[in-house]
Amino acid sequence: MTENCEFEIVYDTELPGTPERVWEAVTNGTPAWMFPTDQWPDVKTVKEYPTHLVSRMDGPDGWFNQLEHVLEPLDGGRARLHYVHSGIFADNWDEQYDGASKHTGFYLHTLGQYLKHFDGKPVVFTDIQGPAASQVPDGFVQLKNALGVASAAQGSAVELELDSVGRVSGEVDFSSEHFLGLRTSDAMYRFFGRNAFGAPVGMTVHDFSGNGSGAPEATAQAWAGLLEKVYA
């Protein structure tokens, strides 16, 4: 499909943080669990702290992208989140919608992991994209095999010794056909099987081990080296 098509992705979940902490995470803290959004030219069309936030970007020919967060406090310092991502995809509607809808659950799971284990800690964010050779049907399977976690279930402990990266000791906190999450005592590693959605396999590192001022270049170089070997 090539014509403009409007979409809506709705997701409801409970998070291990108060509405105030979730609000901070989805406004100022996105590098800690998703990716930096401080350069987005969005407009806060609704800003009712800490329960209702709507961020919107508009473009030519009716294009828009909108994120809505509705937060409700729960007992025990938790919050219920009603999340709605709506907008218009201009091209490849089916592929884009499939990718965006499946990413949503993984990102919001990672938000929960951040709130539970690292809330408020300074972070260094690194984004690493795999080579074009990862855009094959079994690209993500190849990566899981190389990491040694192909059969590891969610919740499994892992002790990995990885070429160019070193030791990764922690837990598989998320595992599905297209996504993998590894959490250690001071970092979260997120792996994205975007080969299923017409893009290279990618990953992000959310490093909470320091004061947040470290440079991500060494991390990017190490993991890029590993991905190059996997898909050589």
Protein backbone atom coordinates (compact mmCIF):
# COMPACT_ATOMS: atom_id res chain seq x y z
CA MET A 1 0.00 0.00 0.00
CA THR A 2 1.31 3.45 -0.87
CA GLU A 3 -1.56 5.80 0.02
CA ASN A 4 -1.72 7.61 3.34
CA CYS A 5 -3.43 5.51 6.01
CA GLU A 6 -4.35 6.52 9.52
CA PHE A 7 -3.49 4.16 12.35
CA GLU A 8 -4.04 3.79 16.09
CA ILE A 9 -2.09 1.55 18.48
CA VAL A 10 -3.62 1.18 21.94
CA TYR A 11 -1.82 -0.45 24.87
CA ASP A 12 -2.82 -0.78 28.51
CA THR A 13 -0.38 -1.85 31.20
CA GLU A 14 0.60 -1.41 34.85
CA LEU A 15 3.98 0.09 35.72
CA PRO A 16 6.13 -0.13 38.89
CA GLY A 17 6.23 3.62 39.48
CA THR A 18 3.96 6.45 40.52
CA PRO A 19 2.32 8.62 37.83
CA GLU A 20 4.87 11.31 38.71
CA ARG A 21 7.80 8.97 38.03
CA VAL A 22 6.25 7.63 34.83
CA TRP A 23 5.64 11.22 33.66
CA GLU A 24 9.31 12.05 34.25
CA ALA A 25 10.39 8.93 32.35
CA VAL A 26 8.22 9.60 29.28
CA THR A 27 9.11 13.30 29.10
CA ASN A 28 12.71 13.85 30.23
CA GLY A 29 13.94 10.28 30.71
CA THR A 30 13.40 8.59 27.35
CA PRO A 31 17.13 7.78 26.74
CA ALA A 32 16.95 5.51 29.79
CA TRP A 33 14.42 3.10 28.26
CA MET A 34 13.67 4.01 24.63
CA PHE A 35 15.74 6.62 22.77
CA PRO A 36 16.34 10.39 23.07
CA THR A 37 13.33 12.44 22.00
CA ASP A 38 14.54 15.90 23.05
CA GLN A 39 14.98 16.97 19.41
CA TRP A 40 11.44 16.06 18.38
CA PRO A 41 9.51 19.17 17.23
CA ASP A 42 6.40 18.06 19.07
CA VAL A 43 3.73 20.15 20.74
CA LYS A 44 2.21 19.19 24.08
CA THR A 45 -1.46 19.63 23.17
CA VAL A 46 -2.52 18.26 26.57
CA LYS A 47 -0.30 18.63 29.63
CA GLU A 48 -2.15 17.79 32.85
CA TYR A 49 0.60 16.73 35.25
CA PRO A 50 0.88 13.91 36.20
CA THR A 51 -2.12 12.14 34.67
CA HIS A 52 -2.62 13.14 31.02
CA LEU A 53 -0.06 14.01 28.36
CA VAL A 54 -0.56 14.30 24.60
CA SER A 55 2.42 15.05 22.35
CA ARG A 56 1.80 15.73 18.67
CA MET A 57 3.75 16.47 15.51
CA ASP A 58 2.05 17.72 12.35
CA GLY A 59 3.36 17.79 8.80
CA PRO A 60 2.31 18.40 5.19
CA ASP A 61 -0.80 16.91 3.61
CA GLY A 62 -2.44 16.06 6.92
CA TRP A 63 0.43 13.94 8.23
CA PHE A 64 0.64 13.69 12.03
CA ASN A 65 2.17 11.56 14.76
CA GLN A 66 0.65 11.63 18.24
CA LEU A 67 1.42 9.94 21.56
CA GLU A 68 -1.07 9.96 24.43
CA HIS A 69 -0.33 8.84 27.99
CA VAL A 70 -3.16 8.59 30.52
CA LEU A 71 -1.92 7.69 34.01
CA GLU A 72 -3.89 6.51 37.02
CA PRO A 73 -2.34 5.93 40.45
CA LEU A 74 -2.57 2.46 41.94
CA ASP A 75 -1.76 1.09 45.39
CA GLY A 76 1.85 0.30 46.19
CA GLY A 77 3.41 3.16 44.25
CA ARG A 78 2.29 1.79 40.89
CA ALA A 79 0.47 3.35 37.96
CA ARG A 80 -1.90 2.19 35.29
CA LEU A 81 -0.96 3.47 31.83
CA HIS A 82 -3.36 3.85 28.91
CA TYR A 83 -1.16 4.52 25.87
CA VAL A 84 -2.36 5.52 22.42
CA HIS A 85 -0.04 6.04 19.44
CA SER A 86 -1.90 7.43 16.44
CA GLY A 87 -0.96 9.05 13.17
CA ILE A 88 -0.55 8.48 9.45
CA PHE A 89 1.80 6.17 7.60
CA ALA A 90 2.55 7.40 4.09
CA ASP A 91 4.10 4.24 2.61
CA ASN A 92 4.25 0.49 3.27
CA TRP A 93 1.38 0.78 5.73
CA ASP A 94 1.17 -2.91 6.64
CA GLU A 95 4.90 -3.25 7.35
CA GLN A 96 5.12 0.02 9.28
CA TYR A 97 2.05 -0.74 11.38
CA ASP A 98 3.25 -4.26 12.15
CA GLY A 99 6.64 -2.92 13.25
CA ALA A 100 5.27 -0.03 15.30
CA SER A 101 2.63 -2.12 17.07
CA LYS A 102 5.10 -4.86 18.02
CA HIS A 103 7.72 -2.34 19.19
CA THR A 104 5.18 -0.77 21.56
CA GLY A 105 4.97 -3.71 23.94
CA PHE A 106 8.76 -4.06 24.08
CA TYR A 107 9.34 -0.36 24.75
CA LEU A 108 6.72 -0.24 27.50
CA HIS A 109 8.13 -3.41 29.06
CA THR A 110 11.55 -1.71 29.05
CA LEU A 111 9.98 1.36 30.66
CA GLY A 112 8.78 -0.92 33.46
CA GLN A 113 12.24 -2.45 33.85
CA TYR A 114 13.77 1.01 34.07
CA LEU A 115 11.29 2.17 36.71
CA LYS A 116 11.78 -0.98 38.78
CA HIS A 117 15.58 -1.24 38.65
CA PHE A 118 17.17 2.07 37.57
CA ASP A 119 14.69 4.91 38.11
CA GLY A 120 16.44 8.27 38.33
CA LYS A 121 19.95 6.96 37.66
CA PRO A 122 22.03 8.85 35.05
CA VAL A 123 22.23 6.98 31.78
CA VAL A 124 24.47 6.79 28.74
CA PHE A 125 22.46 5.76 25.67
CA THR A 126 24.02 4.04 22.67
CA ASP A 127 22.30 2.99 19.44
CA ILE A 128 23.96 0.37 17.20
CA GLN A 129 22.64 -0.78 13.84
CA GLY A 130 23.58 -4.09 12.31
CA PRO A 131 24.94 -4.36 8.76
CA ALA A 132 22.73 -4.76 5.70
CA ALA A 133 23.51 -8.49 5.78
CA SER A 134 21.26 -8.78 8.86
CA GLN A 135 18.19 -8.06 6.70
CA VAL A 136 17.59 -11.73 5.96
CA PRO A 137 14.66 -13.84 7.18
CA ASP A 138 16.71 -15.53 9.90
CA GLY A 139 18.76 -12.44 10.80
CA PHE A 140 17.48 -12.20 14.36
CA VAL A 141 17.82 -15.95 14.89
CA GLN A 142 21.46 -15.65 13.85
CA LEU A 143 22.02 -13.00 16.51
CA LYS A 144 20.31 -15.01 19.26
CA ASN A 145 22.42 -18.03 18.35
CA ALA A 146 25.61 -15.95 18.42
CA LEU A 147 24.70 -14.53 21.83
CA GLY A 148 23.97 -18.03 23.13
CA VAL A 149 20.43 -17.21 24.21
CA ALA A 150 18.40 -18.87 21.45
CA SER A 151 16.74 -21.24 23.93
CA ALA A 152 16.86 -18.99 27.01
CA ALA A 153 13.41 -18.28 28.41
CA GLN A 154 12.34 -14.97 29.85
CA GLY A 155 13.59 -14.82 33.43
CA SER A 156 16.62 -17.01 32.75
CA ALA A 157 19.99 -16.05 34.19
CA VAL A 158 22.73 -15.57 31.60
CA GLU A 159 26.53 -15.53 31.77
CA LEU A 160 27.86 -14.52 28.37
CA GLU A 161 31.41 -14.04 27.17
CA LEU A 162 31.15 -12.13 23.90
CA ASP A 163 33.82 -11.32 21.33
CA SER A 164 34.82 -7.62 21.42
CA VAL A 165 32.27 -6.93 24.17
CA GLY A 166 33.41 -9.05 27.11
CA ARG A 167 31.32 -10.52 29.92
CA VAL A 168 27.60 -9.87 30.20
CA SER A 169 26.13 -11.28 33.39
CA GLY A 170 22.44 -10.82 34.13
CA GLU A 171 18.97 -11.95 33.15
CA VAL A 172 16.83 -12.36 30.05
CA ASP A 173 14.05 -9.95 30.97
CA PHE A 174 12.25 -10.15 27.61
CA SER A 175 12.26 -12.71 24.83
CA SER A 176 10.01 -12.97 21.79
CA GLU A 177 10.26 -13.71 18.09
CA HIS A 178 11.41 -10.18 17.24
CA PHE A 179 12.82 -8.72 20.47
CA LEU A 180 15.27 -9.61 23.20
CA GLY A 181 16.06 -7.82 26.45
CA LEU A 182 19.07 -8.52 28.68
CA ARG A 183 19.34 -6.72 32.03
CA THR A 184 22.44 -6.63 34.20
CA SER A 185 23.06 -4.91 37.53
CA ASP A 186 24.01 -1.68 35.75
CA ALA A 187 22.70 -1.80 32.18
CA MET A 188 19.89 -2.82 29.85
CA TYR A 189 20.62 -4.27 26.41
CA ARG A 190 17.75 -4.17 23.91
CA PHE A 191 17.89 -6.15 20.65
CA PHE A 192 15.47 -5.53 17.79
CA GLY A 193 14.74 -8.05 15.04
CA ARG A 194 13.82 -5.34 12.56
CA ASN A 195 14.77 -7.65 9.71
CA ALA A 196 11.12 -8.71 9.96
CA PHE A 197 10.04 -5.14 9.19
CA GLY A 198 12.36 -4.32 6.29
CA ALA A 199 15.31 -2.90 8.24
CA PRO A 200 18.61 -4.16 9.70
CA VAL A 201 18.76 -5.83 13.08
CA GLY A 202 19.54 -3.18 15.70
CA MET A 203 20.21 -2.75 19.39
CA THR A 204 20.46 -0.15 22.12
CA VAL A 205 22.50 -0.01 25.31
CA HIS A 206 21.25 1.88 28.35
CA ASP A 207 24.27 2.14 30.66
CA PHE A 208 23.59 3.16 34.28
CA SER A 209 27.06 2.33 35.61
CA GLY A 210 28.41 5.89 35.89
CA ASN A 211 27.37 9.49 36.25
CA GLY A 212 25.78 9.71 32.81
CA SER A 213 28.59 11.75 31.28
CA GLY A 214 30.50 8.91 29.61
CA ALA A 215 31.01 8.72 25.85
CA PRO A 216 29.17 5.93 24.04
CA GLU A 217 31.78 5.53 21.29
CA ALA A 218 33.58 2.57 22.90
CA THR A 219 30.29 0.79 23.56
CA ALA A 220 29.16 1.37 19.98
CA GLN A 221 32.47 0.12 18.59
CA ALA A 222 32.44 -3.05 20.68
CA TRP A 223 28.88 -4.07 19.83
CA ALA A 224 29.20 -3.04 16.18
CA GLY A 225 32.24 -5.30 16.00
CA LEU A 226 30.21 -8.18 17.37
CA LEU A 227 27.36 -7.58 14.89
CA GLU A 228 29.81 -7.42 11.99
CA LYS A 229 31.18 -10.83 12.99
CA VAL A 230 27.71 -12.32 13.35
CA TYR A 231 26.72 -11.26 9.84
CA ALA A 232 30.07 -11.62 8.10
